[in-house]
Each structure stands twice: as C-alpha cells, then as structure tokens.
C-alpha cells in the first residue's frame, strides 16, 4: 500500500504545486522534498498541509515539532499519512 500512496502523492504534488517540468518518475521516494531535493519551499509546505487536510483528513500546524521529519521525503510523508489518515 505504501508504494501506491507514494505514487498517488507524486501525482498530487505535481498537480497541486503546478510542477510543470517534473514527471512522477523524476521524484524519488527517498529524495528530500525541500532544498537540494525537489526544491520545494515554505509556501509549498503550506499548500501540502492544505492538501493533506483536504485529501486525507490530516491536520498539520506550523508549530508541530515533527514537521521536519514528516516532510523529509515522499516516503516519510506517506508513512505519516498511512498512520494518521482519517479519510
């Protein structure tokens, strides 16, 4: 199931963040989402948080001290969703 969720997240991120020059195959599950990896920024993090709430019923706040670990890679994001989703 984790592989399917990772693939779903790849598509959602590309569509929601308007990553026009990136295909799902370009996103490796263990690559960092921010900085040197996919190159996302803090605005993207906010958009992902809204996406997670809408799509999976997960609420993440800026004050959550787990954010760095949650958003470290696609795999860590998928693991967090699997453990916490309500939808």
PDB file of N, CA and C in Angstrom:
ATOM      1  N   UNK A   1       0.812  -1.196   0.000  1.00  0.00           N
ATOM      2  CA  UNK A   1       0.000   0.000   0.000  1.00  0.00           C
ATOM      3  C   UNK A   1       0.859   1.264   0.000  1.00  0.00           C
ATOM      4  N   UNK A   2       1.992   1.222   0.693  1.00  0.00           N
ATOM      5  CA  UNK A   2       2.842   2.412   0.766  1.00  0.00           C
ATOM      6  C   UNK A   2       3.288   2.848  -0.618  1.00  0.00           C
ATOM      7  N   UNK A   3       3.620   1.894  -1.496  1.00  0.00           N
ATOM      8  CA  UNK A   3       4.031   2.233  -2.854  1.00  0.00           C
ATOM      9  C   UNK A   3       2.930   2.930  -3.614  1.00  0.00           C
ATOM     10  N   UNK A   4       1.713   2.460  -3.443  1.00  0.00           N
ATOM     11  CA  UNK A   4       0.571   3.082  -4.105  1.00  0.00           C
ATOM     12  C   UNK A   4       0.360   4.494  -3.589  1.00  0.00           C
ATOM     13  N   UNK A   5       0.479   4.693  -2.288  1.00  0.00           N
ATOM     14  CA  UNK A   5       0.321   6.016  -1.697  1.00  0.00           C
ATOM     15  C   UNK A   5       1.426   6.952  -2.173  1.00  0.00           C
ATOM     16  N   UNK A   6       2.638   6.458  -2.276  1.00  0.00           N
ATOM     17  CA  UNK A   6       3.750   7.272  -2.782  1.00  0.00           C
ATOM     18  C   UNK A   6       3.453   7.719  -4.207  1.00  0.00           C
ATOM     19  N   UNK A   7       2.973   6.808  -5.046  1.00  0.00           N
ATOM     20  CA  UNK A   7       2.627   7.164  -6.422  1.00  0.00           C
ATOM     21  C   UNK A   7       1.495   8.194  -6.461  1.00  0.00           C
ATOM     22  N   UNK A   8       0.511   8.009  -5.597  1.00  0.00           N
ATOM     23  CA  UNK A   8      -0.601   8.959  -5.508  1.00  0.00           C
ATOM     24  C   UNK A   8      -0.087  10.337  -5.091  1.00  0.00           C
ATOM     25  N   UNK A   9       0.819  10.364  -4.125  1.00  0.00           N
ATOM     26  CA  UNK A   9       1.381  11.632  -3.661  1.00  0.00           C
ATOM     27  C   UNK A   9       2.192  12.329  -4.744  1.00  0.00           C
ATOM     28  N   UNK A  10       2.930  11.561  -5.514  1.00  0.00           N
ATOM     29  CA  UNK A  10       3.699  12.154  -6.620  1.00  0.00           C
ATOM     30  C   UNK A  10       2.768  12.929  -7.542  1.00  0.00           C
ATOM     31  N   UNK A  11       1.691  12.296  -7.945  1.00  0.00           N
ATOM     32  CA  UNK A  11       0.732  12.922  -8.858  1.00  0.00           C
ATOM     33  C   UNK A  11       0.074  14.135  -8.203  1.00  0.00           C
ATOM     34  N   UNK A  12      -0.345  13.995  -6.950  1.00  0.00           N
ATOM     35  CA  UNK A  12      -0.985  15.107  -6.251  1.00  0.00           C
ATOM     36  C   UNK A  12      -0.048  16.298  -6.115  1.00  0.00           C
ATOM     37  N   UNK A  13       1.207  16.057  -5.760  1.00  0.00           N
ATOM     38  CA  UNK A  13       2.159  17.156  -5.603  1.00  0.00           C
ATOM     39  C   UNK A  13       2.391  17.876  -6.924  1.00  0.00           C
ATOM     40  N   UNK A  14       2.544  17.125  -7.986  1.00  0.00           N
ATOM     41  CA  UNK A  14       2.768  17.739  -9.300  1.00  0.00           C
ATOM     42  C   UNK A  14       1.571  18.588  -9.701  1.00  0.00           C
ATOM     43  N   UNK A  15       0.365  18.054  -9.485  1.00  0.00           N
ATOM     44  CA  UNK A  15      -0.843  18.791  -9.872  1.00  0.00           C
ATOM     45  C   UNK A  15      -1.087  19.991  -8.962  1.00  0.00           C
ATOM     46  N   UNK A  16      -1.012  19.795  -7.656  1.00  0.00           N
ATOM     47  CA  UNK A  16      -1.349  20.849  -6.705  1.00  0.00           C
ATOM     48  C   UNK A  16      -0.311  21.961  -6.652  1.00  0.00           C
ATOM     49  N   UNK A  17       0.958  21.613  -6.810  1.00  0.00           N
ATOM     50  CA  UNK A  17       2.025  22.611  -6.730  1.00  0.00           C
ATOM     51  C   UNK A  17       2.430  23.139  -8.099  1.00  0.00           C
ATOM     52  N   UNK A  18       1.721  22.682  -9.132  1.00  0.00           N
ATOM     53  CA  UNK A  18       1.975  23.122 -10.509  1.00  0.00           C
ATOM     54  C   UNK A  18       3.429  22.929 -10.921  1.00  0.00           C
ATOM     55  N   UNK A  19       3.949  21.734 -10.652  1.00  0.00           N
ATOM     56  CA  UNK A  19       5.329  21.394 -11.005  1.00  0.00           C
ATOM     57  C   UNK A  19       5.358  20.920 -12.457  1.00  0.00           C
ATOM     58  N   UNK A  20       5.304  21.860 -13.364  1.00  0.00           N
ATOM     59  CA  UNK A  20       5.114  21.566 -14.785  1.00  0.00           C
ATOM     60  C   UNK A  20       6.258  20.801 -15.437  1.00  0.00           C
ATOM     61  N   UNK A  21       7.468  21.010 -14.990  1.00  0.00           N
ATOM     62  CA  UNK A  21       8.623  20.385 -15.639  1.00  0.00           C
ATOM     63  C   UNK A  21       9.047  19.079 -14.965  1.00  0.00           C
ATOM     64  N   UNK A  22       8.192  18.550 -14.094  1.00  0.00           N
ATOM     65  CA  UNK A  22       8.529  17.341 -13.345  1.00  0.00           C
ATOM     66  C   UNK A  22       7.488  16.264 -13.617  1.00  0.00           C
ATOM     67  N   UNK A  23       7.970  15.044 -13.850  1.00  0.00           N
ATOM     68  CA  UNK A  23       7.064  13.909 -14.008  1.00  0.00           C
ATOM     69  C   UNK A  23       7.153  13.051 -12.745  1.00  0.00           C
ATOM     70  N   UNK A  24       6.164  12.189 -12.508  1.00  0.00           N
ATOM     71  CA  UNK A  24       6.227  11.321 -11.326  1.00  0.00           C
ATOM     72  C   UNK A  24       7.520  10.506 -11.259  1.00  0.00           C
ATOM     73  N   UNK A  25       8.049  10.092 -12.393  1.00  0.00           N
ATOM     74  CA  UNK A  25       9.290   9.313 -12.410  1.00  0.00           C
ATOM     75  C   UNK A  25      10.507  10.124 -11.958  1.00  0.00           C
ATOM     76  N   UNK A  26      10.408  11.460 -12.014  1.00  0.00           N
ATOM     77  CA  UNK A  26      11.510  12.327 -11.589  1.00  0.00           C
ATOM     78  C   UNK A  26      11.621  12.424 -10.073  1.00  0.00           C
ATOM     79  N   UNK A  27      10.552  12.047  -9.364  1.00  0.00           N
ATOM     80  CA  UNK A  27      10.530  12.180  -7.909  1.00  0.00           C
ATOM     81  C   UNK A  27      10.864  10.835  -7.286  1.00  0.00           C
ATOM     82  N   UNK A  28      12.018  10.773  -6.649  1.00  0.00           N
ATOM     83  CA  UNK A  28      12.436   9.544  -5.978  1.00  0.00           C
ATOM     84  C   UNK A  28      11.905   9.552  -4.547  1.00  0.00           C
ATOM     85  N   UNK A  29      11.353   8.433  -4.077  1.00  0.00           N
ATOM     86  CA  UNK A  29      10.688   8.392  -2.766  1.00  0.00           C
ATOM     87  C   UNK A  29      11.546   8.803  -1.577  1.00  0.00           C
ATOM     88  N   UNK A  30      12.857   8.629  -1.647  1.00  0.00           N
ATOM     89  CA  UNK A  30      13.714   8.974  -0.514  1.00  0.00           C
ATOM     90  C   UNK A  30      14.442  10.306  -0.680  1.00  0.00           C
ATOM     91  N   UNK A  31      14.264  10.977  -1.812  1.00  0.00           N
ATOM     92  CA  UNK A  31      14.903  12.280  -2.013  1.00  0.00           C
ATOM     93  C   UNK A  31      14.229  13.340  -1.141  1.00  0.00           C
ATOM     94  N   UNK A  32      14.987  14.318  -0.664  1.00  0.00           N
ATOM     95  CA  UNK A  32      14.389  15.400   0.131  1.00  0.00           C
ATOM     96  C   UNK A  32      13.358  16.166  -0.695  1.00  0.00           C
ATOM     97  N   UNK A  33      12.271  16.575  -0.045  1.00  0.00           N
ATOM     98  CA  UNK A  33      11.259  17.379  -0.743  1.00  0.00           C
ATOM     99  C   UNK A  33      11.695  18.837  -0.842  1.00  0.00           C
ATOM    100  N   UNK A  34      12.485  19.297   0.130  1.00  0.00           N
ATOM    101  CA  UNK A  34      12.884  20.701   0.197  1.00  0.00           C
ATOM    102  C   UNK A  34      14.382  20.834  -0.040  1.00  0.00           C
ATOM    103  N   UNK A  35      14.818  22.043  -0.377  1.00  0.00           N
ATOM    104  CA  UNK A  35      16.243  22.296  -0.578  1.00  0.00           C
ATOM    105  C   UNK A  35      16.783  21.595  -1.808  1.00  0.00           C
ATOM    106  N   UNK A  36      17.835  20.826  -1.626  1.00  0.00           N
ATOM    107  CA  UNK A  36      18.545  20.185  -2.733  1.00  0.00           C
ATOM    108  C   UNK A  36      17.726  19.124  -3.473  1.00  0.00           C
ATOM    109  N   UNK A  37      16.720  18.585  -2.843  1.00  0.00           N
ATOM    110  CA  UNK A  37      15.920  17.529  -3.472  1.00  0.00           C
ATOM    111  C   UNK A  37      14.973  18.090  -4.521  1.00  0.00           C
ATOM    112  N   UNK A  38      13.694  18.035  -4.212  1.00  0.00           N
ATOM    113  CA  UNK A  38      12.665  18.507  -5.143  1.00  0.00           C
ATOM    114  C   UNK A  38      12.655  20.027  -5.236  1.00  0.00           C
ATOM    115  N   UNK A  39      13.239  20.684  -4.242  1.00  0.00           N
ATOM    116  CA  UNK A  39      13.371  22.143  -4.289  1.00  0.00           C
ATOM    117  C   UNK A  39      12.143  22.906  -3.836  1.00  0.00           C
ATOM    118  N   UNK A  40      11.290  22.286  -3.044  1.00  0.00           N
ATOM    119  CA  UNK A  40      10.105  22.970  -2.558  1.00  0.00           C
ATOM    120  C   UNK A  40      10.499  23.993  -1.500  1.00  0.00           C
ATOM    121  N   UNK A  41       9.580  24.949  -1.224  1.00  0.00           N
ATOM    122  CA  UNK A  41       9.848  25.983  -0.232  1.00  0.00           C
ATOM    123  C   UNK A  41       8.731  26.028   0.802  1.00  0.00           C
ATOM    124  N   UNK A  42       8.766  27.016   1.692  1.00  0.00           N
ATOM    125  CA  UNK A  42       7.805  27.086   2.797  1.00  0.00           C
ATOM    126  C   UNK A  42       6.374  27.301   2.308  1.00  0.00           C
ATOM    127  N   UNK A  43       6.188  28.011   1.213  1.00  0.00           N
ATOM    128  CA  UNK A  43       4.850  28.191   0.650  1.00  0.00           C
ATOM    129  C   UNK A  43       4.325  26.842   0.170  1.00  0.00           C
ATOM    130  N   UNK A  44       5.190  26.055  -0.450  1.00  0.00           N
ATOM    131  CA  UNK A  44       4.800  24.710  -0.879  1.00  0.00           C
ATOM    132  C   UNK A  44       4.397  23.852   0.316  1.00  0.00           C
ATOM    133  N   UNK A  45       5.100  24.008   1.436  1.00  0.00           N
ATOM    134  CA  UNK A  45       4.775  23.241   2.642  1.00  0.00           C
ATOM    135  C   UNK A  45       3.361  23.574   3.112  1.00  0.00           C
ATOM    136  N   UNK A  46       2.998  24.837   3.064  1.00  0.00           N
ATOM    137  CA  UNK A  46       1.636  25.240   3.433  1.00  0.00           C
ATOM    138  C   UNK A  46       0.618  24.618   2.492  1.00  0.00           C
ATOM    139  N   UNK A  47       0.906  24.630   1.218  1.00  0.00           N
ATOM    140  CA  UNK A  47      -0.005  24.039   0.241  1.00  0.00           C
ATOM    141  C   UNK A  47      -0.141  22.529   0.448  1.00  0.00           C
ATOM    142  N   UNK A  48       0.958  21.869   0.798  1.00  0.00           N
ATOM    143  CA  UNK A  48       0.908  20.430   1.074  1.00  0.00           C
ATOM    144  C   UNK A  48       0.060  20.174   2.313  1.00  0.00           C
ATOM    145  N   UNK A  49       0.195  21.014   3.333  1.00  0.00           N
ATOM    146  CA  UNK A  49      -0.601  20.856   4.558  1.00  0.00           C
ATOM    147  C   UNK A  49      -2.094  20.968   4.249  1.00  0.00           C
ATOM    148  N   UNK A  50      -2.469  21.918   3.407  1.00  0.00           N
ATOM    149  CA  UNK A  50      -3.874  22.064   2.998  1.00  0.00           C
ATOM    150  C   UNK A  50      -4.315  20.832   2.212  1.00  0.00           C
ATOM    151  N   UNK A  51      -3.467  20.355   1.331  1.00  0.00           N
ATOM    152  CA  UNK A  51      -3.749  19.152   0.543  1.00  0.00           C
ATOM    153  C   UNK A  51      -3.969  17.938   1.448  1.00  0.00           C
ATOM    154  N   UNK A  52      -3.125  17.779   2.456  1.00  0.00           N
ATOM    155  CA  UNK A  52      -3.242  16.639   3.369  1.00  0.00           C
ATOM    156  C   UNK A  52      -4.547  16.697   4.146  1.00  0.00           C
ATOM    157  N   UNK A  53      -4.961  17.893   4.528  1.00  0.00           N
ATOM    158  CA  UNK A  53      -6.228  18.056   5.235  1.00  0.00           C
ATOM    159  C   UNK A  53      -7.392  17.695   4.317  1.00  0.00           C
ATOM    160  N   UNK A  54      -7.387  18.246   3.132  1.00  0.00           N
ATOM    161  CA  UNK A  54      -8.481  18.027   2.177  1.00  0.00           C
ATOM    162  C   UNK A  54      -8.548  16.569   1.701  1.00  0.00           C
ATOM    163  N   UNK A  55      -7.422  16.001   1.375  1.00  0.00           N
ATOM    164  CA  UNK A  55      -7.375  14.673   0.760  1.00  0.00           C
ATOM    165  C   UNK A  55      -7.445  13.530   1.767  1.00  0.00           C
ATOM    166  N   UNK A  56      -6.802  13.714   2.922  1.00  0.00           N
ATOM    167  CA  UNK A  56      -6.644  12.605   3.870  1.00  0.00           C
ATOM    168  C   UNK A  56      -7.179  12.886   5.272  1.00  0.00           C
ATOM    169  N   UNK A  57      -7.698  14.101   5.509  1.00  0.00           N
ATOM    170  CA  UNK A  57      -8.223  14.445   6.823  1.00  0.00           C
ATOM    171  C   UNK A  57      -7.158  14.630   7.879  1.00  0.00           C
ATOM    172  N   UNK A  58      -5.958  14.997   7.467  1.00  0.00           N
ATOM    173  CA  UNK A  58      -4.834  15.170   8.392  1.00  0.00           C
ATOM    174  C   UNK A  58      -4.582  16.661   8.611  1.00  0.00           C
ATOM    175  N   UNK A  59      -4.535  17.054   9.872  1.00  0.00           N
ATOM    176  CA  UNK A  59      -4.245  18.448  10.217  1.00  0.00           C
ATOM    177  C   UNK A  59      -2.791  18.551  10.686  1.00  0.00           C
ATOM    178  N   UNK A  60      -2.040  19.415  10.037  1.00  0.00           N
ATOM    179  CA  UNK A  60      -0.657  19.679  10.428  1.00  0.00           C
ATOM    180  C   UNK A  60      -0.522  21.182  10.627  1.00  0.00           C
ATOM    181  N   UNK A  61       0.053  21.579  11.742  1.00  0.00           N
ATOM    182  CA  UNK A  61       0.242  23.002  12.003  1.00  0.00           C
ATOM    183  C   UNK A  61       1.728  23.348  11.881  1.00  0.00           C
ATOM    184  N   UNK A  62       1.984  24.624  11.712  1.00  0.00           N
ATOM    185  CA  UNK A  62       3.369  25.091  11.599  1.00  0.00           C
ATOM    186  C   UNK A  62       4.137  24.852  12.887  1.00  0.00           C
ATOM    187  N   UNK A  63       3.437  24.777  14.006  1.00  0.00           N
ATOM    188  CA  UNK A  63       4.084  24.594  15.302  1.00  0.00           C
ATOM    189  C   UNK A  63       4.432  23.140  15.605  1.00  0.00           C
ATOM    190  N   UNK A  64       3.994  22.213  14.776  1.00  0.00           N
ATOM    191  CA  UNK A  64       4.245  20.787  15.023  1.00  0.00           C
ATOM    192  C   UNK A  64       5.741  20.518  14.916  1.00  0.00           C
ATOM    193  N   UNK A  65       6.337  20.037  16.000  1.00  0.00           N
ATOM    194  CA  UNK A  65       7.787  19.823  16.007  1.00  0.00           C
ATOM    195  C   UNK A  65       8.213  18.608  15.184  1.00  0.00           C
ATOM    196  N   UNK A  66       7.270  17.870  14.634  1.00  0.00           N
ATOM    197  CA  UNK A  66       7.583  16.719  13.779  1.00  0.00           C
ATOM    198  C   UNK A  66       7.664  17.091  12.301  1.00  0.00           C
ATOM    199  N   UNK A  67       7.381  18.332  11.958  1.00  0.00           N
ATOM    200  CA  UNK A  67       7.279  18.728  10.546  1.00  0.00           C
ATOM    201  C   UNK A  67       8.514  18.387   9.720  1.00  0.00           C
ATOM    202  N   UNK A  68       9.682  18.616  10.263  1.00  0.00           N
ATOM    203  CA  UNK A  68      10.900  18.331   9.501  1.00  0.00           C
ATOM    204  C   UNK A  68      10.978  16.845   9.153  1.00  0.00           C
ATOM    205  N   UNK A  69      10.627  15.985  10.086  1.00  0.00           N
ATOM    206  CA  UNK A  69      10.641  14.546   9.828  1.00  0.00           C
ATOM    207  C   UNK A  69       9.510  14.138   8.890  1.00  0.00           C
ATOM    208  N   UNK A  70       8.326  14.720   9.079  1.00  0.00           N
ATOM    209  CA  UNK A  70       7.167  14.379   8.242  1.00  0.00           C
ATOM    210  C   UNK A  70       7.453  14.730   6.787  1.00  0.00           C
ATOM    211  N   UNK A  71       7.997  15.913   6.557  1.00  0.00           N
ATOM    212  CA  UNK A  71       8.218  16.418   5.207  1.00  0.00           C
ATOM    213  C   UNK A  71       9.617  16.120   4.668  1.00  0.00           C
ATOM    214  N   UNK A  72      10.350  15.227   5.299  1.00  0.00           N
ATOM    215  CA  UNK A  72      11.721  14.935   4.873  1.00  0.00           C
ATOM    216  C   UNK A  72      11.776  14.351   3.469  1.00  0.00           C
ATOM    217  N   UNK A  73      10.870  13.448   3.144  1.00  0.00           N
ATOM    218  CA  UNK A  73      10.858  12.803   1.826  1.00  0.00           C
ATOM    219  C   UNK A  73       9.438  12.333   1.526  1.00  0.00           C
ATOM    220  N   UNK A  74       9.242  11.853   0.337  1.00  0.00           N
ATOM    221  CA  UNK A  74       7.938  11.303  -0.041  1.00  0.00           C
ATOM    222  C   UNK A  74       7.611  10.076   0.802  1.00  0.00           C
ATOM    223  N   UNK A  75       8.604   9.245   1.066  1.00  0.00           N
ATOM    224  CA  UNK A  75       8.376   8.056   1.897  1.00  0.00           C
ATOM    225  C   UNK A  75       7.952   8.441   3.311  1.00  0.00           C
ATOM    226  N   UNK A  76       8.610   9.430   3.914  1.00  0.00           N
ATOM    227  CA  UNK A  76       8.241   9.825   5.279  1.00  0.00           C
ATOM    228  C   UNK A  76       6.850  10.447   5.304  1.00  0.00           C
ATOM    229  N   UNK A  77       6.507  11.193   4.269  1.00  0.00           N
ATOM    230  CA  UNK A  77       5.172  11.779   4.165  1.00  0.00           C
ATOM    231  C   UNK A  77       4.116  10.677   4.028  1.00  0.00           C
ATOM    232  N   UNK A  78       4.391   9.684   3.198  1.00  0.00           N
ATOM    233  CA  UNK A  78       3.460   8.564   3.009  1.00  0.00           C
ATOM    234  C   UNK A  78       3.285   7.765   4.306  1.00  0.00           C
ATOM    235  N   UNK A  79       4.369   7.556   5.034  1.00  0.00           N
ATOM    236  CA  UNK A  79       4.282   6.835   6.311  1.00  0.00           C
ATOM    237  C   UNK A  79       3.414   7.598   7.302  1.00  0.00           C
ATOM    238  N   UNK A  80       3.593   8.913   7.358  1.00  0.00           N
ATOM    239  CA  UNK A  80       2.800   9.740   8.262  1.00  0.00           C
ATOM    240  C   UNK A  80       1.325   9.686   7.876  1.00  0.00           C
ATOM    241  N   UNK A  81       1.034   9.785   6.594  1.00  0.00           N
ATOM    242  CA  UNK A  81      -0.355   9.719   6.131  1.00  0.00           C
ATOM    243  C   UNK A  81      -0.966   8.370   6.471  1.00  0.00           C
ATOM    244  N   UNK A  82      -0.254   7.292   6.195  1.00  0.00           N
ATOM    245  CA  UNK A  82      -0.764   5.948   6.489  1.00  0.00           C
ATOM    246  C   UNK A  82      -1.120   5.781   7.962  1.00  0.00           C
ATOM    247  N   UNK A  83      -0.325   6.377   8.836  1.00  0.00           N
ATOM    248  CA  UNK A  83      -0.537   6.222  10.268  1.00  0.00           C
ATOM    249  C   UNK A  83      -1.606   7.161  10.823  1.00  0.00           C
ATOM    250  N   UNK A  84      -1.914   8.248  10.102  1.00  0.00           N
ATOM    251  CA  UNK A  84      -2.778   9.286  10.672  1.00  0.00           C
ATOM    252  C   UNK A  84      -4.008   9.659   9.852  1.00  0.00           C
ATOM    253  N   UNK A  85      -4.200   9.073   8.705  1.00  0.00           N
ATOM    254  CA  UNK A  85      -5.307   9.499   7.841  1.00  0.00           C
ATOM    255  C   UNK A  85      -6.649   9.149   8.453  1.00  0.00           C
ATOM    256  N   UNK A  86      -7.623  10.033   8.193  1.00  0.00           N
ATOM    257  CA  UNK A  86      -8.989   9.785   8.632  1.00  0.00           C
ATOM    258  C   UNK A  86      -9.920   9.600   7.443  1.00  0.00           C
ATOM    259  N   UNK A  87      -9.400   9.806   6.244  1.00  0.00           N
ATOM    260  CA  UNK A  87     -10.180   9.618   5.009  1.00  0.00           C
ATOM    261  C   UNK A  87      -9.495   8.591   4.140  1.00  0.00           C
TER     262      UNK A  87
END
